Amino acid sequence: MTKITLDSAACQKLGNIDGSAEICDDTGHVVGYFVSGESKPGQPPSDLRIPLSIAETEDRRKVRTGRTLSEILSGLNRQ
């Protein structure tokens, strides 16, 4: 893992964050994300927003589209 040392002003800003934040350069380009030390390892930040509900995720799992593995392999053998 790469280690980056921040100046005290940046450390103070990050220290005031409870949860996570986007880190941007001076043009607004996202260069990374920060998760505060308050977050537990292996647990998502408390402010994380999941785009789909559990019910929507389960509904999408039930819909099967595409080709089976045997169909894919058969197509590769023809090439």
N, C-alpha and C. Protein backbone atom coordinates (compact mmCIF):
# COMPACT_ATOMS: atom_id res chain seq x y z
N MET A 1 0.84 -1.17 0.00
CA MET A 1 0.00 0.00 0.00
C MET A 1 0.89 1.24 0.00
N THR A 2 0.50 2.23 -0.77
CA THR A 2 1.23 3.48 -0.82
C THR A 2 0.87 4.34 0.38
N LYS A 3 1.85 4.99 0.96
CA LYS A 3 1.62 5.86 2.12
C LYS A 3 1.83 7.31 1.69
N ILE A 4 0.87 8.18 1.99
CA ILE A 4 0.95 9.59 1.66
C ILE A 4 0.85 10.38 2.96
N THR A 5 1.80 11.30 3.17
CA THR A 5 1.78 12.14 4.35
C THR A 5 1.12 13.47 4.02
N LEU A 6 0.13 13.85 4.81
CA LEU A 6 -0.64 15.08 4.57
C LEU A 6 -0.15 16.19 5.49
N ASP A 7 -0.36 17.43 5.03
CA ASP A 7 -0.03 18.56 5.90
C ASP A 7 -1.08 18.65 7.01
N SER A 8 -0.80 19.47 8.02
CA SER A 8 -1.68 19.52 9.19
C SER A 8 -3.08 20.05 8.84
N ALA A 9 -3.19 20.96 7.86
CA ALA A 9 -4.51 21.48 7.48
C ALA A 9 -5.38 20.38 6.89
N ALA A 10 -4.81 19.55 6.01
CA ALA A 10 -5.56 18.44 5.42
C ALA A 10 -5.94 17.43 6.49
N CYS A 11 -5.02 17.16 7.41
CA CYS A 11 -5.31 16.21 8.49
C CYS A 11 -6.45 16.71 9.36
N GLN A 12 -6.48 18.02 9.61
CA GLN A 12 -7.55 18.59 10.44
C GLN A 12 -8.90 18.45 9.73
N LYS A 13 -8.93 18.72 8.42
CA LYS A 13 -10.18 18.57 7.66
C LYS A 13 -10.66 17.13 7.70
N LEU A 14 -9.76 16.18 7.46
CA LEU A 14 -10.14 14.78 7.47
C LEU A 14 -10.53 14.30 8.86
N GLY A 15 -9.89 14.86 9.87
CA GLY A 15 -10.20 14.48 11.24
C GLY A 15 -11.60 14.87 11.67
N ASN A 16 -12.18 15.84 11.00
CA ASN A 16 -13.54 16.29 11.33
C ASN A 16 -14.63 15.51 10.62
N ILE A 17 -14.23 14.56 9.78
CA ILE A 17 -15.20 13.78 9.01
C ILE A 17 -15.66 12.57 9.80
N ASP A 18 -16.97 12.39 9.83
CA ASP A 18 -17.55 11.21 10.47
C ASP A 18 -18.17 10.37 9.37
N GLY A 19 -17.49 9.35 8.94
CA GLY A 19 -17.97 8.52 7.83
C GLY A 19 -16.98 8.51 6.70
N SER A 20 -17.44 8.89 5.50
CA SER A 20 -16.56 8.85 4.33
C SER A 20 -16.65 10.15 3.56
N ALA A 21 -15.69 10.37 2.65
CA ALA A 21 -15.66 11.60 1.86
C ALA A 21 -14.95 11.35 0.55
N GLU A 22 -15.33 12.10 -0.48
CA GLU A 22 -14.59 12.11 -1.74
C GLU A 22 -13.42 13.07 -1.58
N ILE A 23 -12.27 12.70 -2.09
CA ILE A 23 -11.11 13.58 -2.08
C ILE A 23 -10.92 14.06 -3.52
N CYS A 24 -10.95 15.39 -3.72
CA CYS A 24 -10.86 15.98 -5.06
C CYS A 24 -9.65 16.88 -5.17
N ASP A 25 -9.14 17.03 -6.39
CA ASP A 25 -8.08 18.01 -6.61
C ASP A 25 -8.70 19.39 -6.78
N ASP A 26 -7.88 20.40 -7.06
CA ASP A 26 -8.39 21.77 -7.14
C ASP A 26 -9.27 22.03 -8.35
N THR A 27 -9.35 21.06 -9.29
CA THR A 27 -10.25 21.21 -10.44
C THR A 27 -11.57 20.47 -10.23
N GLY A 28 -11.70 19.79 -9.09
CA GLY A 28 -12.92 19.04 -8.80
C GLY A 28 -12.88 17.59 -9.22
N HIS A 29 -11.76 17.14 -9.79
CA HIS A 29 -11.60 15.75 -10.22
C HIS A 29 -11.40 14.86 -8.98
N VAL A 30 -12.21 13.79 -8.88
CA VAL A 30 -12.09 12.88 -7.75
C VAL A 30 -10.81 12.07 -7.88
N VAL A 31 -9.96 12.16 -6.86
CA VAL A 31 -8.71 11.40 -6.87
C VAL A 31 -8.76 10.21 -5.92
N GLY A 32 -9.78 10.17 -5.07
CA GLY A 32 -9.90 9.03 -4.17
C GLY A 32 -11.00 9.24 -3.16
N TYR A 33 -11.07 8.32 -2.23
CA TYR A 33 -12.10 8.34 -1.20
C TYR A 33 -11.44 8.14 0.15
N PHE A 34 -12.03 8.73 1.16
CA PHE A 34 -11.52 8.64 2.52
C PHE A 34 -12.58 8.02 3.40
N VAL A 35 -12.18 7.08 4.25
CA VAL A 35 -13.07 6.49 5.24
C VAL A 35 -12.44 6.78 6.60
N SER A 36 -13.19 7.44 7.48
CA SER A 36 -12.63 7.86 8.76
C SER A 36 -12.22 6.66 9.60
N GLY A 37 -11.33 6.92 10.53
CA GLY A 37 -10.86 5.89 11.45
C GLY A 37 -11.94 5.41 12.39
N GLU A 38 -13.06 6.14 12.44
CA GLU A 38 -14.18 5.74 13.29
C GLU A 38 -14.90 4.52 12.71
N SER A 39 -14.74 4.30 11.41
CA SER A 39 -15.39 3.15 10.77
C SER A 39 -14.69 1.88 11.21
N LYS A 40 -15.46 0.83 11.37
CA LYS A 40 -14.90 -0.45 11.77
C LYS A 40 -14.37 -1.18 10.55
N PRO A 41 -13.20 -1.81 10.65
CA PRO A 41 -12.67 -2.58 9.52
C PRO A 41 -13.65 -3.65 9.06
N GLY A 42 -13.85 -3.75 7.77
CA GLY A 42 -14.76 -4.74 7.21
C GLY A 42 -16.22 -4.31 7.21
N GLN A 43 -16.52 -3.14 7.76
CA GLN A 43 -17.88 -2.63 7.80
C GLN A 43 -17.98 -1.41 6.90
N PRO A 44 -19.07 -1.27 6.16
CA PRO A 44 -19.21 -0.09 5.31
C PRO A 44 -19.41 1.16 6.17
N PRO A 45 -19.02 2.32 5.65
CA PRO A 45 -19.25 3.57 6.39
C PRO A 45 -20.73 3.77 6.67
N SER A 46 -21.04 4.42 7.78
CA SER A 46 -22.44 4.61 8.17
C SER A 46 -23.22 5.45 7.18
N ASP A 47 -22.54 6.31 6.42
CA ASP A 47 -23.24 7.17 5.46
C ASP A 47 -23.31 6.57 4.05
N LEU A 48 -22.90 5.32 3.90
CA LEU A 48 -22.95 4.66 2.60
C LEU A 48 -24.40 4.45 2.18
N ARG A 49 -24.72 4.83 0.97
CA ARG A 49 -26.08 4.65 0.46
C ARG A 49 -26.08 3.51 -0.56
N ILE A 50 -26.85 2.47 -0.28
CA ILE A 50 -26.93 1.32 -1.16
C ILE A 50 -28.00 1.61 -2.21
N PRO A 51 -27.65 1.48 -3.51
CA PRO A 51 -28.59 1.88 -4.56
C PRO A 51 -29.83 1.01 -4.70
N LEU A 52 -29.77 -0.25 -4.29
CA LEU A 52 -30.91 -1.16 -4.42
C LEU A 52 -31.31 -1.69 -3.06
N SER A 53 -32.59 -1.88 -2.87
CA SER A 53 -33.05 -2.51 -1.63
C SER A 53 -32.75 -4.02 -1.71
N ILE A 54 -32.86 -4.69 -0.60
CA ILE A 54 -32.63 -6.14 -0.58
C ILE A 54 -33.65 -6.84 -1.48
N ALA A 55 -34.90 -6.38 -1.46
CA ALA A 55 -35.94 -6.98 -2.30
C ALA A 55 -35.61 -6.80 -3.78
N GLU A 56 -35.14 -5.62 -4.17
CA GLU A 56 -34.78 -5.37 -5.57
C GLU A 56 -33.60 -6.25 -5.99
N THR A 57 -32.65 -6.42 -5.09
CA THR A 57 -31.50 -7.28 -5.39
C THR A 57 -31.95 -8.72 -5.60
N GLU A 58 -32.83 -9.21 -4.74
CA GLU A 58 -33.34 -10.58 -4.88
C GLU A 58 -34.13 -10.75 -6.17
N ASP A 59 -34.93 -9.76 -6.54
CA ASP A 59 -35.69 -9.82 -7.79
C ASP A 59 -34.75 -9.91 -8.98
N ARG A 60 -33.68 -9.14 -8.97
CA ARG A 60 -32.72 -9.16 -10.08
C ARG A 60 -31.98 -10.48 -10.17
N ARG A 61 -31.73 -11.12 -9.03
CA ARG A 61 -31.06 -12.42 -9.04
C ARG A 61 -31.92 -13.50 -9.69
N LYS A 62 -33.23 -13.35 -9.59
CA LYS A 62 -34.15 -14.33 -10.16
C LYS A 62 -34.22 -14.26 -11.68
N VAL A 63 -33.92 -13.12 -12.25
CA VAL A 63 -33.98 -12.94 -13.70
C VAL A 63 -32.68 -13.45 -14.30
N ARG A 64 -32.79 -14.50 -15.07
CA ARG A 64 -31.61 -15.10 -15.70
C ARG A 64 -31.59 -14.76 -17.18
N THR A 65 -30.57 -14.09 -17.61
CA THR A 65 -30.41 -13.76 -19.03
C THR A 65 -29.01 -14.16 -19.46
N GLY A 66 -28.79 -14.11 -20.74
CA GLY A 66 -27.47 -14.44 -21.25
C GLY A 66 -27.36 -15.89 -21.67
N ARG A 67 -26.11 -16.37 -21.76
CA ARG A 67 -25.86 -17.73 -22.22
C ARG A 67 -25.31 -18.57 -21.09
N THR A 68 -25.52 -19.87 -21.19
CA THR A 68 -24.95 -20.79 -20.22
C THR A 68 -23.46 -20.95 -20.49
N LEU A 69 -22.74 -21.49 -19.53
CA LEU A 69 -21.30 -21.71 -19.71
C LEU A 69 -21.04 -22.64 -20.89
N SER A 70 -21.84 -23.67 -21.04
CA SER A 70 -21.63 -24.60 -22.16
C SER A 70 -21.84 -23.89 -23.50
N GLU A 71 -22.79 -22.97 -23.59
CA GLU A 71 -23.00 -22.21 -24.82
C GLU A 71 -21.81 -21.30 -25.12
N ILE A 72 -21.27 -20.70 -24.08
CA ILE A 72 -20.10 -19.83 -24.26
C ILE A 72 -18.91 -20.65 -24.75
N LEU A 73 -18.67 -21.78 -24.10
CA LEU A 73 -17.54 -22.63 -24.49
C LEU A 73 -17.71 -23.18 -25.89
N SER A 74 -18.95 -23.53 -26.25
CA SER A 74 -19.22 -24.03 -27.60
C SER A 74 -18.90 -22.95 -28.64
N GLY A 75 -19.26 -21.71 -28.33
CA GLY A 75 -18.96 -20.61 -29.24
C GLY A 75 -17.48 -20.36 -29.37
N LEU A 76 -16.72 -20.57 -28.29
CA LEU A 76 -15.27 -20.37 -28.34
C LEU A 76 -14.60 -21.46 -29.17
N ASN A 77 -15.13 -22.68 -29.10
CA ASN A 77 -14.56 -23.79 -29.86
C ASN A 77 -14.76 -23.64 -31.35
N ARG A 78 -15.79 -22.90 -31.75
CA ARG A 78 -16.05 -22.70 -33.18
C ARG A 78 -15.10 -21.69 -33.82
N GLN A 79 -14.46 -20.90 -33.02
CA GLN A 79 -13.59 -19.84 -33.58
C GLN A 79 -12.26 -20.35 -33.98
